[in-house]
Amino acid sequence: MTPDEYLTAHLPLLRQYLTHGLSETWVVKLFGVSAQGGVYDEAGKPAKDEAQRIREMDVPSQRIAVVSADGQSHDLTEPLQWLLI
């Protein structure tokens, strides 16, 4: 699910404001960012397969997920790069 699809489904008024309520000179690009990369175990509950997969990653930076309309990457600086350029 892209960030735009998420906003459409869960926060439609915010999406409407961001895409139509601002000046025409503004450019909006939505990013979804997860630095943990998934759902961790909850205390007192059985371990989740996804949490185990996260623990077994050799390169911790591969946990990072940055999603936009352009695709997915592991670069946390991508939203900042877009903002500054």
PDB file of N, CA and C in Angstrom:
ATOM      1  N   MET A   1       0.844  -1.168   0.000  1.00  0.00           N
ATOM      2  CA  MET A   1       0.000   0.000   0.000  1.00  0.00           C
ATOM      3  C   MET A   1       0.895   1.238   0.000  1.00  0.00           C
ATOM      4  N   THR A   2       0.635   2.136  -0.908  1.00  0.00           N
ATOM      5  CA  THR A   2       1.413   3.368  -0.973  1.00  0.00           C
ATOM      6  C   THR A   2       0.917   4.344   0.095  1.00  0.00           C
ATOM      7  N   PRO A   3       1.729   5.340   0.434  1.00  0.00           N
ATOM      8  CA  PRO A   3       1.273   6.338   1.406  1.00  0.00           C
ATOM      9  C   PRO A   3      -0.015   7.043   0.961  1.00  0.00           C
ATOM     10  N   ASP A   4      -0.149   7.309  -0.329  1.00  0.00           N
ATOM     11  CA  ASP A   4      -1.361   7.955  -0.825  1.00  0.00           C
ATOM     12  C   ASP A   4      -2.583   7.051  -0.638  1.00  0.00           C
ATOM     13  N   GLU A   5      -2.431   5.764  -0.907  1.00  0.00           N
ATOM     14  CA  GLU A   5      -3.532   4.817  -0.695  1.00  0.00           C
ATOM     15  C   GLU A   5      -3.899   4.736   0.789  1.00  0.00           C
ATOM     16  N   TYR A   6      -2.879   4.769   1.651  1.00  0.00           N
ATOM     17  CA  TYR A   6      -3.137   4.732   3.093  1.00  0.00           C
ATOM     18  C   TYR A   6      -3.933   5.959   3.531  1.00  0.00           C
ATOM     19  N   LEU A   7      -3.505   7.147   3.083  1.00  0.00           N
ATOM     20  CA  LEU A   7      -4.231   8.363   3.451  1.00  0.00           C
ATOM     21  C   LEU A   7      -5.653   8.341   2.912  1.00  0.00           C
ATOM     22  N   THR A   8      -5.822   7.869   1.695  1.00  0.00           N
ATOM     23  CA  THR A   8      -7.159   7.793   1.107  1.00  0.00           C
ATOM     24  C   THR A   8      -8.071   6.906   1.945  1.00  0.00           C
ATOM     25  N   ALA A   9      -7.540   5.788   2.423  1.00  0.00           N
ATOM     26  CA  ALA A   9      -8.344   4.838   3.188  1.00  0.00           C
ATOM     27  C   ALA A   9      -8.568   5.263   4.639  1.00  0.00           C
ATOM     28  N   HIS A  10      -7.545   5.849   5.269  1.00  0.00           N
ATOM     29  CA  HIS A  10      -7.614   6.100   6.712  1.00  0.00           C
ATOM     30  C   HIS A  10      -7.750   7.570   7.111  1.00  0.00           C
ATOM     31  N   LEU A  11      -7.262   8.466   6.291  1.00  0.00           N
ATOM     32  CA  LEU A  11      -7.300   9.899   6.618  1.00  0.00           C
ATOM     33  C   LEU A  11      -7.709  10.707   5.382  1.00  0.00           C
ATOM     34  N   PRO A  12      -8.912  10.483   4.867  1.00  0.00           N
ATOM     35  CA  PRO A  12      -9.289  11.113   3.599  1.00  0.00           C
ATOM     36  C   PRO A  12      -9.337  12.642   3.642  1.00  0.00           C
ATOM     37  N   LEU A  13      -9.715  13.222   4.769  1.00  0.00           N
ATOM     38  CA  LEU A  13      -9.764  14.687   4.831  1.00  0.00           C
ATOM     39  C   LEU A  13      -8.367  15.296   4.812  1.00  0.00           C
ATOM     40  N   LEU A  14      -7.416  14.660   5.484  1.00  0.00           N
ATOM     41  CA  LEU A  14      -6.033  15.136   5.435  1.00  0.00           C
ATOM     42  C   LEU A  14      -5.490  15.029   4.016  1.00  0.00           C
ATOM     43  N   ARG A  15      -5.763  13.909   3.348  1.00  0.00           N
ATOM     44  CA  ARG A  15      -5.308  13.739   1.965  1.00  0.00           C
ATOM     45  C   ARG A  15      -5.912  14.817   1.068  1.00  0.00           C
ATOM     46  N   GLN A  16      -7.202  15.080   1.241  1.00  0.00           N
ATOM     47  CA  GLN A  16      -7.864  16.104   0.440  1.00  0.00           C
ATOM     48  C   GLN A  16      -7.223  17.472   0.674  1.00  0.00           C
ATOM     49  N   TYR A  17      -6.943  17.793   1.934  1.00  0.00           N
ATOM     50  CA  TYR A  17      -6.310  19.075   2.243  1.00  0.00           C
ATOM     51  C   TYR A  17      -4.921  19.168   1.620  1.00  0.00           C
ATOM     52  N   LEU A  18      -4.133  18.104   1.750  1.00  0.00           N
ATOM     53  CA  LEU A  18      -2.771  18.128   1.222  1.00  0.00           C
ATOM     54  C   LEU A  18      -2.737  18.232  -0.297  1.00  0.00           C
ATOM     55  N   THR A  19      -3.687  17.593  -0.963  1.00  0.00           N
ATOM     56  CA  THR A  19      -3.642  17.578  -2.426  1.00  0.00           C
ATOM     57  C   THR A  19      -4.424  18.713  -3.076  1.00  0.00           C
ATOM     58  N   HIS A  20      -5.413  19.299  -2.378  1.00  0.00           N
ATOM     59  CA  HIS A  20      -6.238  20.330  -3.008  1.00  0.00           C
ATOM     60  C   HIS A  20      -6.346  21.616  -2.207  1.00  0.00           C
ATOM     61  N   GLY A  21      -5.983  21.598  -0.941  1.00  0.00           N
ATOM     62  CA  GLY A  21      -6.208  22.757  -0.101  1.00  0.00           C
ATOM     63  C   GLY A  21      -5.048  23.725  -0.038  1.00  0.00           C
ATOM     64  N   LEU A  22      -3.946  23.384  -0.646  1.00  0.00           N
ATOM     65  CA  LEU A  22      -2.769  24.242  -0.570  1.00  0.00           C
ATOM     66  C   LEU A  22      -2.632  25.081  -1.834  1.00  0.00           C
ATOM     67  N   SER A  23      -1.744  26.020  -1.789  1.00  0.00           N
ATOM     68  CA  SER A  23      -1.455  26.847  -2.950  1.00  0.00           C
ATOM     69  C   SER A  23      -0.965  25.974  -4.102  1.00  0.00           C
ATOM     70  N   GLU A  24      -1.223  26.403  -5.313  1.00  0.00           N
ATOM     71  CA  GLU A  24      -0.788  25.639  -6.484  1.00  0.00           C
ATOM     72  C   GLU A  24       0.732  25.584  -6.599  1.00  0.00           C
ATOM     73  N   THR A  25       1.429  26.472  -5.915  1.00  0.00           N
ATOM     74  CA  THR A  25       2.892  26.457  -5.982  1.00  0.00           C
ATOM     75  C   THR A  25       3.505  25.390  -5.083  1.00  0.00           C
ATOM     76  N   TRP A  26       2.716  24.835  -4.165  1.00  0.00           N
ATOM     77  CA  TRP A  26       3.217  23.786  -3.275  1.00  0.00           C
ATOM     78  C   TRP A  26       3.233  22.462  -4.009  1.00  0.00           C
ATOM     79  N   VAL A  27       4.258  21.684  -3.752  1.00  0.00           N
ATOM     80  CA  VAL A  27       4.347  20.332  -4.298  1.00  0.00           C
ATOM     81  C   VAL A  27       4.302  19.370  -3.120  1.00  0.00           C
ATOM     82  N   VAL A  28       3.407  18.410  -3.173  1.00  0.00           N
ATOM     83  CA  VAL A  28       3.239  17.451  -2.082  1.00  0.00           C
ATOM     84  C   VAL A  28       3.710  16.084  -2.546  1.00  0.00           C
ATOM     85  N   LYS A  29       4.551  15.464  -1.745  1.00  0.00           N
ATOM     86  CA  LYS A  29       4.969  14.089  -1.990  1.00  0.00           C
ATOM     87  C   LYS A  29       4.868  13.364  -0.653  1.00  0.00           C
ATOM     88  N   LEU A  30       4.202  12.238  -0.660  1.00  0.00           N
ATOM     89  CA  LEU A  30       3.972  11.494   0.574  1.00  0.00           C
ATOM     90  C   LEU A  30       4.990  10.376   0.726  1.00  0.00           C
ATOM     91  N   PHE A  31       5.502  10.230   1.945  1.00  0.00           N
ATOM     92  CA  PHE A  31       6.438   9.162   2.273  1.00  0.00           C
ATOM     93  C   PHE A  31       5.901   8.386   3.464  1.00  0.00           C
ATOM     94  N   GLY A  32       6.050   7.091   3.425  1.00  0.00           N
ATOM     95  CA  GLY A  32       5.794   6.242   4.576  1.00  0.00           C
ATOM     96  C   GLY A  32       7.143   5.762   5.081  1.00  0.00           C
ATOM     97  N   VAL A  33       7.425   5.938   6.361  1.00  0.00           N
ATOM     98  CA  VAL A  33       8.740   5.600   6.907  1.00  0.00           C
ATOM     99  C   VAL A  33       8.591   4.673   8.108  1.00  0.00           C
ATOM    100  N   SER A  34       9.347   3.577   8.094  1.00  0.00           N
ATOM    101  CA  SER A  34       9.416   2.673   9.240  1.00  0.00           C
ATOM    102  C   SER A  34      10.879   2.377   9.509  1.00  0.00           C
ATOM    103  N   ALA A  35      11.367   2.799  10.656  1.00  0.00           N
ATOM    104  CA  ALA A  35      12.761   2.528  11.004  1.00  0.00           C
ATOM    105  C   ALA A  35      12.925   1.163  11.649  1.00  0.00           C
ATOM    106  N   GLN A  36      11.846   0.582  12.160  1.00  0.00           N
ATOM    107  CA  GLN A  36      11.964  -0.732  12.796  1.00  0.00           C
ATOM    108  C   GLN A  36      11.729  -1.863  11.810  1.00  0.00           C
ATOM    109  N   GLY A  37      11.028  -1.617  10.726  1.00  0.00           N
ATOM    110  CA  GLY A  37      10.906  -2.608   9.670  1.00  0.00           C
ATOM    111  C   GLY A  37       9.838  -3.659   9.847  1.00  0.00           C
ATOM    112  N   GLY A  38       9.022  -3.563  10.855  1.00  0.00           N
ATOM    113  CA  GLY A  38       7.967  -4.551  11.043  1.00  0.00           C
ATOM    114  C   GLY A  38       7.388  -4.486  12.432  1.00  0.00           C
ATOM    115  N   VAL A  39       6.635  -5.525  12.772  1.00  0.00           N
ATOM    116  CA  VAL A  39       5.963  -5.596  14.068  1.00  0.00           C
ATOM    117  C   VAL A  39       6.784  -6.460  15.011  1.00  0.00           C
ATOM    118  N   TYR A  40       7.128  -5.921  16.165  1.00  0.00           N
ATOM    119  CA  TYR A  40       7.888  -6.670  17.162  1.00  0.00           C
ATOM    120  C   TYR A  40       6.953  -7.491  18.042  1.00  0.00           C
ATOM    121  N   ASP A  41       7.541  -8.363  18.844  1.00  0.00           N
ATOM    122  CA  ASP A  41       6.767  -9.176  19.784  1.00  0.00           C
ATOM    123  C   ASP A  41       6.147  -8.289  20.858  1.00  0.00           C
ATOM    124  N   GLU A  42       5.000  -8.716  21.345  1.00  0.00           N
ATOM    125  CA  GLU A  42       4.374  -8.037  22.471  1.00  0.00           C
ATOM    126  C   GLU A  42       4.714  -8.808  23.737  1.00  0.00           C
ATOM    127  N   ALA A  43       4.941  -8.095  24.824  1.00  0.00           N
ATOM    128  CA  ALA A  43       5.303  -8.737  26.089  1.00  0.00           C
ATOM    129  C   ALA A  43       4.227  -9.726  26.516  1.00  0.00           C
ATOM    130  N   GLY A  44       4.650 -10.926  26.879  1.00  0.00           N
ATOM    131  CA  GLY A  44       3.734 -11.937  27.375  1.00  0.00           C
ATOM    132  C   GLY A  44       2.972 -12.698  26.306  1.00  0.00           C
ATOM    133  N   LYS A  45       3.283 -12.450  25.031  1.00  0.00           N
ATOM    134  CA  LYS A  45       2.595 -13.142  23.939  1.00  0.00           C
ATOM    135  C   LYS A  45       3.611 -13.947  23.135  1.00  0.00           C
ATOM    136  N   PRO A  46       3.162 -14.942  22.377  1.00  0.00           N
ATOM    137  CA  PRO A  46       4.089 -15.754  21.582  1.00  0.00           C
ATOM    138  C   PRO A  46       4.870 -14.910  20.573  1.00  0.00           C
ATOM    139  N   ALA A  47       6.082 -15.355  20.269  1.00  0.00           N
ATOM    140  CA  ALA A  47       6.933 -14.644  19.311  1.00  0.00           C
ATOM    141  C   ALA A  47       6.300 -14.674  17.920  1.00  0.00           C
ATOM    142  N   LYS A  48       6.469 -13.596  17.200  1.00  0.00           N
ATOM    143  CA  LYS A  48       5.946 -13.502  15.841  1.00  0.00           C
ATOM    144  C   LYS A  48       7.053 -13.837  14.852  1.00  0.00           C
ATOM    145  N   ASP A  49       6.685 -14.467  13.742  1.00  0.00           N
ATOM    146  CA  ASP A  49       7.664 -14.803  12.706  1.00  0.00           C
ATOM    147  C   ASP A  49       8.342 -13.550  12.159  1.00  0.00           C
ATOM    148  N   GLU A  50       7.574 -12.477  12.009  1.00  0.00           N
ATOM    149  CA  GLU A  50       8.127 -11.239  11.481  1.00  0.00           C
ATOM    150  C   GLU A  50       9.194 -10.673  12.416  1.00  0.00           C
ATOM    151  N   ALA A  51       8.961 -10.746  13.722  1.00  0.00           N
ATOM    152  CA  ALA A  51       9.944 -10.252  14.694  1.00  0.00           C
ATOM    153  C   ALA A  51      11.224 -11.069  14.609  1.00  0.00           C
ATOM    154  N   GLN A  52      11.105 -12.364  14.435  1.00  0.00           N
ATOM    155  CA  GLN A  52      12.290 -13.213  14.308  1.00  0.00           C
ATOM    156  C   GLN A  52      13.058 -12.878  13.035  1.00  0.00           C
ATOM    157  N   ARG A  53      12.340 -12.625  11.951  1.00  0.00           N
ATOM    158  CA  ARG A  53      12.983 -12.251  10.683  1.00  0.00           C
ATOM    159  C   ARG A  53      13.780 -10.958  10.860  1.00  0.00           C
ATOM    160  N   ILE A  54      13.219 -10.004  11.592  1.00  0.00           N
ATOM    161  CA  ILE A  54      13.905  -8.734  11.834  1.00  0.00           C
ATOM    162  C   ILE A  54      15.174  -8.963  12.649  1.00  0.00           C
ATOM    163  N   ARG A  55      15.094  -9.803  13.672  1.00  0.00           N
ATOM    164  CA  ARG A  55      16.264 -10.078  14.520  1.00  0.00           C
ATOM    165  C   ARG A  55      17.393 -10.748  13.744  1.00  0.00           C
ATOM    166  N   GLU A  56      17.052 -11.531  12.744  1.00  0.00           N
ATOM    167  CA  GLU A  56      18.056 -12.297  12.007  1.00  0.00           C
ATOM    168  C   GLU A  56      18.713 -11.517  10.872  1.00  0.00           C
ATOM    169  N   MET A  57      18.320 -10.293  10.638  1.00  0.00           N
ATOM    170  CA  MET A  57      18.920  -9.501   9.559  1.00  0.00           C
ATOM    171  C   MET A  57      20.382  -9.217   9.870  1.00  0.00           C
ATOM    172  N   ASP A  58      21.245  -9.460   8.886  1.00  0.00           N
ATOM    173  CA  ASP A  58      22.679  -9.222   9.053  1.00  0.00           C
ATOM    174  C   ASP A  58      23.017  -7.734   9.041  1.00  0.00           C
ATOM    175  N   VAL A  59      22.322  -6.980   8.228  1.00  0.00           N
ATOM    176  CA  VAL A  59      22.581  -5.547   8.101  1.00  0.00           C
ATOM    177  C   VAL A  59      21.366  -4.801   8.674  1.00  0.00           C
ATOM    178  N   PRO A  60      21.492  -4.250   9.887  1.00  0.00           N
ATOM    179  CA  PRO A  60      20.340  -3.602  10.526  1.00  0.00           C
ATOM    180  C   PRO A  60      19.695  -2.497   9.687  1.00  0.00           C
ATOM    181  N   SER A  61      20.467  -1.803   8.864  1.00  0.00           N
ATOM    182  CA  SER A  61      19.880  -0.726   8.058  1.00  0.00           C
ATOM    183  C   SER A  61      18.900  -1.254   7.017  1.00  0.00           C
ATOM    184  N   GLN A  62      18.935  -2.555   6.759  1.00  0.00           N
ATOM    185  CA  GLN A  62      17.980  -3.138   5.817  1.00  0.00           C
ATOM    186  C   GLN A  62      16.570  -3.211   6.414  1.00  0.00           C
ATOM    187  N   ARG A  63      16.440  -3.004   7.723  1.00  0.00           N
ATOM    188  CA  ARG A  63      15.120  -2.966   8.369  1.00  0.00           C
ATOM    189  C   ARG A  63      14.326  -1.741   7.940  1.00  0.00           C
ATOM    190  N   ILE A  64      15.023  -0.671   7.640  1.00  0.00           N
ATOM    191  CA  ILE A  64      14.384   0.598   7.317  1.00  0.00           C
ATOM    192  C   ILE A  64      13.565   0.450   6.041  1.00  0.00           C
ATOM    193  N   ALA A  65      12.360   0.975   6.076  1.00  0.00           N
ATOM    194  CA  ALA A  65      11.509   0.979   4.889  1.00  0.00           C
ATOM    195  C   ALA A  65      11.014   2.398   4.640  1.00  0.00           C
ATOM    196  N   VAL A  66      11.348   2.929   3.478  1.00  0.00           N
ATOM    197  CA  VAL A  66      10.856   4.228   3.044  1.00  0.00           C
ATOM    198  C   VAL A  66      10.051   3.975   1.775  1.00  0.00           C
ATOM    199  N   VAL A  67       8.759   4.264   1.838  1.00  0.00           N
ATOM    200  CA  VAL A  67       7.862   3.975   0.721  1.00  0.00           C
ATOM    201  C   VAL A  67       7.290   5.283   0.188  1.00  0.00           C
ATOM    202  N   SER A  68       7.309   5.417  -1.126  1.00  0.00           N
ATOM    203  CA  SER A  68       6.683   6.564  -1.782  1.00  0.00           C
ATOM    204  C   SER A  68       6.051   6.066  -3.075  1.00  0.00           C
ATOM    205  N   ALA A  69       5.493   6.979  -3.834  1.00  0.00           N
ATOM    206  CA  ALA A  69       4.909   6.599  -5.124  1.00  0.00           C
ATOM    207  C   ALA A  69       5.980   6.080  -6.076  1.00  0.00           C
ATOM    208  N   ASP A  70       7.245   6.447  -5.821  1.00  0.00           N
ATOM    209  CA  ASP A  70       8.357   6.009  -6.672  1.00  0.00           C
ATOM    210  C   ASP A  70       8.837   4.607  -6.352  1.00  0.00           C
ATOM    211  N   GLY A  71       8.405   4.041  -5.239  1.00  0.00           N
ATOM    212  CA  GLY A  71       8.842   2.701  -4.852  1.00  0.00           C
ATOM    213  C   GLY A  71       9.296   2.658  -3.410  1.00  0.00           C
ATOM    214  N   GLN A  72      10.101   1.646  -3.099  1.00  0.00           N
ATOM    215  CA  GLN A  72      10.565   1.434  -1.723  1.00  0.00           C
ATOM    216  C   GLN A  72      12.084   1.426  -1.686  1.00  0.00           C
ATOM    217  N   SER A  73      12.640   1.987  -0.596  1.00  0.00           N
ATOM    218  CA  SER A  73      14.089   1.972  -0.403  1.00  0.00           C
ATOM    219  C   SER A  73      14.384   1.789   1.083  1.00  0.00           C
ATOM    220  N   HIS A  74      15.667   1.772   1.416  1.00  0.00           N
ATOM    221  CA  HIS A  74      16.115   1.651   2.806  1.00  0.00           C
ATOM    222  C   HIS A  74      16.831   2.925   3.253  1.00  0.00           C
ATOM    223  N   ASP A  75      16.652   4.013   2.516  1.00  0.00           N
ATOM    224  CA  ASP A  75      17.381   5.249   2.763  1.00  0.00           C
ATOM    225  C   ASP A  75      16.518   6.246   3.538  1.00  0.00           C
ATOM    226  N   LEU A  76      16.805   6.400   4.835  1.00  0.00           N
ATOM    227  CA  LEU A  76      16.038   7.326   5.677  1.00  0.00           C
ATOM    228  C   LEU A  76      16.186   8.786   5.254  1.00  0.00           C
ATOM    229  N   THR A  77      17.220   9.089   4.502  1.00  0.00           N
ATOM    230  CA  THR A  77      17.425  10.478   4.091  1.00  0.00           C
ATOM    231  C   THR A  77      16.635  10.840   2.836  1.00  0.00           C
ATOM    232  N   GLU A  78      15.979   9.882   2.215  1.00  0.00           N
ATOM    233  CA  GLU A  78      15.247  10.153   0.971  1.00  0.00           C
ATOM    234  C   GLU A  78      14.215  11.275   1.110  1.00  0.00           C
ATOM    235  N   PRO A  79      13.373  11.289   2.160  1.00  0.00           N
ATOM    236  CA  PRO A  79      12.438  12.419   2.293  1.00  0.00           C
ATOM    237  C   PRO A  79      13.157  13.762   2.462  1.00  0.00           C
ATOM    238  N   LEU A  80      14.265  13.773   3.181  1.00  0.00           N
ATOM    239  CA  LEU A  80      15.025  15.018   3.353  1.00  0.00           C
ATOM    240  C   LEU A  80      15.648  15.465   2.045  1.00  0.00           C
ATOM    241  N   GLN A  81      16.160  14.525   1.266  1.00  0.00           N
ATOM    242  CA  GLN A  81      16.730  14.866  -0.036  1.00  0.00           C
ATOM    243  C   GLN A  81      15.672  15.502  -0.923  1.00  0.00           C
ATOM    244  N   TRP A  82      14.470  14.922  -0.929  1.00  0.00           N
ATOM    245  CA  TRP A  82      13.394  15.480  -1.744  1.00  0.00           C
ATOM    246  C   TRP A  82      13.050  16.895  -1.274  1.00  0.00           C
ATOM    247  N   LEU A  83      12.999  17.096   0.025  1.00  0.00           N
ATOM    248  CA  LEU A  83      12.635  18.394   0.579  1.00  0.00           C
ATOM    249  C   LEU A  83      13.668  19.467   0.240  1.00  0.00           C
ATOM    250  N   LEU A  84      14.938  19.110   0.268  1.00  0.00           N
ATOM    251  CA  LEU A  84      16.007  20.090   0.076  1.00  0.00           C
ATOM    252  C   LEU A  84      16.338  20.366  -1.386  1.00  0.00           C
ATOM    253  N   ILE A  85      15.884  19.520  -2.267  1.00  0.00           N
ATOM    254  CA  ILE A  85      16.223  19.715  -3.695  1.00  0.00           C
ATOM    255  C   ILE A  85      15.121  20.452  -4.409  1.00  0.00           C
TER     256      ILE A  85
END
